[in-house]
């Protein structure tokens, strides 16, 4: 069975085209993609600039098509024009958090939020107390100033003596009320 290169060379020969026999590529390093396919390079490793090949069914090295490839170890290779254009180390997955660790993280977050809220509340309360203390001090000062204002003698309004007329006494319903009214009238006259 003829290889692809032999078939191509035969086709060129039939059409009178001379071909140059390619030297076989010596592949030194092999890598496995996460898909299970093998890739090869003539260099010692898949570093940036290294040529990258894959073997066809006949076992011949063929340039790996352009694209992004991930090796089994998680290393990502970007291949452009048959060469490694970029190599990125495997991204470390964050360790999965246990239920207890998650609970502790939530509790710590809640504790921090509570402490912050309490601190803000204390600050606001202290500010309000200080404002009330200033207001109380001003009122005390005003009250003290009023105590120092001289005052004249106290004037007491004389109560007007009220006497019940005989006509009003006659209109009263009960005899007790009439007796009381007459008694008050006599008491005021003395």
Protein backbone atom coordinates (compact mmCIF):
# COMPACT_ATOMS: atom_id res chain seq x y z
CA UNK A 1 0.00 0.00 0.00
CA UNK A 2 1.40 3.34 -1.05
CA UNK A 3 1.53 6.30 1.33
CA UNK A 4 -0.15 9.58 0.54
CA UNK A 5 3.17 11.20 -0.31
CA UNK A 6 3.99 8.36 -2.69
CA UNK A 7 0.59 8.77 -4.36
CA UNK A 8 1.07 12.54 -4.71
CA UNK A 9 4.59 12.05 -6.07
CA UNK A 10 3.23 9.52 -8.59
CA UNK A 11 0.55 11.99 -9.68
CA UNK A 12 3.15 14.74 -10.10
CA UNK A 13 5.42 12.38 -12.06
CA UNK A 14 2.57 11.53 -14.45
CA UNK A 15 2.12 15.25 -15.14
CA UNK A 16 5.82 15.91 -15.53
CA UNK A 17 6.29 17.79 -12.32
CA UNK A 18 9.51 17.15 -10.46
CA UNK A 19 9.24 16.65 -6.74
CA UNK A 20 11.76 16.94 -4.03
CA UNK A 21 11.78 14.09 -1.65
CA UNK A 22 11.05 15.38 1.83
CA UNK A 23 13.23 14.26 4.63
CA UNK A 24 11.38 12.44 7.33
CA UNK A 25 10.67 14.54 10.42
CA UNK A 26 12.14 13.18 13.59
CA UNK A 27 9.50 13.63 16.30
CA UNK A 28 10.97 13.74 19.80
CA UNK A 29 8.09 14.67 22.12
CA UNK A 30 4.56 13.30 22.22
CA UNK A 31 1.58 14.75 23.99
CA UNK A 32 -1.96 13.53 24.51
CA UNK A 33 -4.91 15.83 23.98
CA UNK A 34 -7.86 15.58 26.35
CA UNK A 35 -9.77 14.10 23.40
CA UNK A 36 -7.35 11.16 23.43
CA UNK A 37 -5.51 12.07 20.19
CA UNK A 38 -1.71 12.16 20.15
CA UNK A 39 0.30 15.17 18.94
CA UNK A 40 4.02 15.37 18.29
CA UNK A 41 6.83 17.89 17.98
CA UNK A 42 10.42 17.64 16.75
CA UNK A 43 11.47 19.68 19.78
CA UNK A 44 11.82 18.49 23.36
CA UNK A 45 8.50 19.98 24.46
CA UNK A 46 5.48 21.96 23.27
CA UNK A 47 6.95 25.41 23.91
CA UNK A 48 5.95 28.57 22.02
CA UNK A 49 7.36 28.37 18.48
CA UNK A 50 7.56 24.55 18.42
CA UNK A 51 6.11 22.83 15.34
CA UNK A 52 3.16 20.58 16.11
CA UNK A 53 2.15 17.49 14.14
CA UNK A 54 -0.40 14.75 14.22
CA UNK A 55 0.00 11.38 12.52
CA UNK A 56 -2.40 10.32 9.80
CA UNK A 57 -3.68 6.78 9.19
CA UNK A 58 -0.47 5.92 7.36
CA UNK A 59 1.63 7.05 10.32
CA UNK A 60 2.97 10.10 8.50
CA UNK A 61 3.42 13.40 10.36
CA UNK A 62 0.92 16.05 9.22
CA UNK A 63 0.88 19.64 10.45
CA UNK A 64 -1.73 20.12 13.18
CA UNK A 65 -4.50 22.46 11.96
CA UNK A 66 -4.80 25.90 13.57
CA UNK A 67 -6.89 26.00 16.72
CA UNK A 68 -6.98 25.76 20.50
CA UNK A 69 -6.03 22.42 22.01
CA UNK A 70 -5.99 21.20 25.61
CA UNK A 71 -3.52 18.55 26.74
CA UNK A 72 -4.49 15.85 29.23
CA UNK A 73 -2.68 17.74 32.01
CA UNK A 74 -4.87 20.80 31.33
CA UNK A 75 -2.22 22.85 29.51
CA UNK A 76 -3.80 24.87 26.68
CA UNK A 77 -2.00 25.26 23.35
CA UNK A 78 -2.95 27.75 20.66
CA UNK A 79 -1.65 26.49 17.30
CA UNK A 80 -1.21 28.91 14.40
CA UNK A 81 0.38 27.94 11.07
CA UNK A 82 1.48 24.60 12.50
CA UNK A 83 3.36 26.11 15.45
CA UNK A 84 2.58 26.72 19.10
CA UNK A 85 1.63 30.41 19.20
CA UNK A 86 0.61 30.46 22.84
CA UNK A 87 0.91 28.10 25.78
CA UNK A 88 -1.13 28.53 28.95
CA UNK A 89 -0.63 26.48 32.08
CA UNK A 90 -3.57 24.61 33.52
CA UNK A 91 -5.88 26.85 35.50
CA UNK A 92 -6.15 25.61 39.02
CA UNK A 93 -9.72 24.97 40.03
CA UNK A 94 -10.71 26.48 43.30
CA UNK A 95 -11.04 23.78 45.85
CA UNK A 96 -14.63 22.95 46.42
CA UNK A 97 -15.86 24.48 49.61
CA UNK A 98 -17.25 22.16 52.22
CA UNK A 99 -20.66 22.85 53.69
CA UNK A 100 -19.04 23.85 56.99
CA UNK A 101 -16.66 26.26 55.25
CA UNK A 102 -19.55 27.82 53.35
CA UNK A 103 -21.52 28.16 56.58
CA UNK A 104 -18.52 29.76 58.30
CA UNK A 105 -18.08 32.18 55.39
CA UNK A 106 -21.76 33.18 55.54
CA UNK A 107 -21.59 33.63 59.32
CA UNK A 108 -18.47 35.78 59.01
CA UNK A 109 -20.17 37.93 56.35
CA UNK A 110 -23.27 38.34 58.51
CA UNK A 111 -21.13 39.17 61.56
CA UNK A 112 -19.23 41.81 59.60
CA UNK A 113 -22.48 43.32 58.30
CA UNK A 114 -23.94 43.42 61.82
CA UNK A 115 -20.82 45.04 63.25
CA UNK A 116 -20.86 47.67 60.51
CA UNK A 117 -24.57 48.40 61.04
CA UNK A 118 -24.10 48.57 64.83
CA UNK A 119 -21.16 50.94 64.45
CA UNK A 120 -23.17 53.21 62.15
CA UNK A 121 -26.10 53.11 64.60
CA UNK A 122 -23.85 54.05 67.54
CA UNK A 123 -22.36 56.93 65.57
CA UNK A 124 -25.82 58.24 64.61
CA UNK A 125 -27.12 57.84 68.18
CA UNK A 126 -24.09 59.66 69.62
CA UNK A 127 -24.67 62.47 67.12
CA UNK A 128 -28.34 62.77 68.13
CA UNK A 129 -27.48 62.73 71.85
CA UNK A 130 -24.89 65.43 71.34
CA UNK A 131 -27.47 67.58 69.49
CA UNK A 132 -29.98 67.13 72.35
CA UNK A 133 -27.30 67.97 74.95
CA UNK A 134 -26.59 71.23 73.10
CA UNK A 135 -30.32 72.01 72.94
CA UNK A 136 -30.72 71.31 76.70
CA UNK A 137 -27.74 73.54 77.52
CA UNK A 138 -29.27 76.41 75.48
CA UNK A 139 -32.63 76.02 77.23
CA UNK A 140 -30.95 76.01 80.66
CA UNK A 141 -29.09 79.17 79.70
CA UNK A 142 -32.32 80.87 78.58
CA UNK A 143 -34.12 79.79 81.76
CA UNK A 144 -31.25 81.04 83.89
CA UNK A 145 -31.36 84.38 82.08
CA UNK A 146 -35.09 84.67 82.81
CA UNK A 147 -34.47 84.05 86.53
CA UNK A 148 -32.08 87.01 86.60
CA UNK A 149 -34.64 89.48 85.17
CA UNK A 150 -35.92 91.75 88.00
CA UNK A 151 -39.63 91.49 88.73
CA UNK A 152 -41.99 93.91 90.40
CA UNK A 153 -44.33 93.05 93.24
CA UNK A 154 -46.86 90.43 92.48
CA UNK A 155 -50.27 91.78 91.65
CA UNK A 156 -53.12 89.76 92.88
CA UNK A 157 -56.47 90.40 91.30
CA UNK A 158 -59.18 91.18 93.79
CA UNK A 159 -62.06 88.88 93.63
CA UNK A 160 -65.29 90.57 93.02
CA UNK A 161 -67.79 89.81 95.68
CA UNK A 162 -70.79 88.18 94.22
CA UNK A 163 -74.05 88.30 96.02
CA UNK A 164 -77.15 86.52 95.03
CA UNK A 165 -80.20 88.71 94.58
CA UNK A 166 -83.47 87.88 96.28
CA UNK A 167 -85.10 87.35 92.90
CA UNK A 168 -82.44 84.72 92.04
CA UNK A 169 -82.92 83.07 95.45
CA UNK A 170 -86.66 82.83 94.82
CA UNK A 171 -86.02 81.04 91.52
CA UNK A 172 -83.96 78.26 93.12
CA UNK A 173 -85.66 74.87 93.19
CA UNK A 174 -84.63 73.45 96.50
CA UNK A 175 -84.97 75.07 99.87
CA UNK A 176 -81.45 73.98 100.74
CA UNK A 177 -80.00 76.00 97.83
CA UNK A 178 -82.03 79.07 98.89
CA UNK A 179 -80.84 78.78 102.51
CA UNK A 180 -77.22 78.46 101.37
CA UNK A 181 -77.49 81.52 99.11
CA UNK A 182 -79.02 83.65 101.87
CA UNK A 183 -76.36 82.49 104.33
CA UNK A 184 -73.56 83.42 101.88
CA UNK A 185 -75.07 86.86 101.35
CA UNK A 186 -75.07 87.54 105.14
CA UNK A 187 -71.55 86.16 105.56
CA UNK A 188 -70.15 88.51 102.92
CA UNK A 189 -71.70 91.55 104.50
CA UNK A 190 -69.81 91.21 107.75
